[in-house]
Amino acid sequence: MAAICKSSSSSSFLLINCILLITCVLANDDEFGTRPLRLKRFIKSRSTTTTTTTTEAPDPIEQEIDDDIPDEQFPPSSSTNNTNEPISISVPDCGRTRFFSIDRIVNGRPASPGQFPWQVFLRISTRDGDMVCGGSIISPRWILTAAHCVTSEQTGSYSAQAVEVVAGSLIRGGHGDSRRISRNADCAFKHPGWRGVRGQFTNDIALIRLPKNNPLRLTYQKGGNINAICLPPKRSPPFDYRGAARVAGWGLTRDRGVLARTLQYTDINVISDSECRRYQYPVNIANSMVLRTVHPCQGDSGGPLIIRQGNQYVQFGLVSFGPGICNNGRIPNTVFTQVSYYLDWIENTIRQFENRDQCR
């Protein structure tokens, strides 16, 4: 998913499902880092590459799912903050979906059309090959994702124009799907407190802006598959929600496996900060993090963590980093950036750059 030990690493350390809030400092572990999944050979020649060997991989296929698991109602939020209205960034009907049932990212289920209308697939073109991340639509021109998805370890940043945003399709990359909508970014704004994947994991959050003359058209109200997600209420920290949350992505379906061909999702449980800190991470788990007992894999980075509040879904987190080995139960958690801590930055950035041509 978001973070993974290099294949040459002897470390079996896994990271955990938490939501990053305050500070998260790397503990001098050169073999550990977070990065989006590199697709240099996944996409172009259908092979996987490690630091030592290259092996041929089968065509990416959907994960096999047990269809006998019954649907059940997705539980409403029990957060003490749910009396506040979610922030919509002026988008009517944000967080609306036609699906409120729950079916039983590793060990996920394929999503249905329109189930996650805010989910986008990000392809970042680099000289070393393509990389993939997830993201969420928060308005027609703005995508929320992880800062490490738009961070180059060599140059510091990827060109915003190298970032392709694909919406409306469940298929990875959307190719061959008539519902696919593709846009190239014109700006990427990393949080000013982000210090890179090998410095601090704090503030792993970024905004991608689409061109003013080519925004996404939110089609949910007319029966389409594109909508914005709601952001959480202001003044909502600390994150005190208890119960099920949901995450989706196109990342690896198993450790060292293949990318999911179609969008997969799973439901996960929130654990307390005190329980989170019982696990030994190579980083300091901060108040800006939330712990989740699930394993997104490489390629899921930047995707939204959502909960239901009434008839809307609200994004409380985004995938930041996780286990070095997908679905390894010894450290059963992934770290998510807690969105509520960054609402002022999100709103100020959008307000400042919505109607400006420049990115600075």
Foldseek 3Di string as FASTA:
>chain_A
DFKAFAPPDPDQFWFFAKAFFDWKWFQPDPRIWTAFAFCACCPPPQWDDGPPDIDHADNAEADDADPPFDKDFADAWPAPQLVFDFAQVPFPPAQFFPDRIAGQLQNFAFDDFRHQQFKKWKWAQDPSGIGIEIWGASDQWKIKFFQNHQQDPVPGGGQQQRIKIWGQFQFRVCPPPPRIDIFGFHAKAQDPPDDYTNGMLHRGMIMTGTDPVDTHDACVVVPGRHHGHTAGGAPRPPPDIWDKKKWKFQQANFFVHHTHRGITMHIWTWDDPVVSVVDDDSIDRDSQKTGTQAFNHRNHGTTFIWGHRPNGIYGQWTFHAITNGGPDPPHRRGITGGCNSCPVVVVVLCVVPVPDPDHD
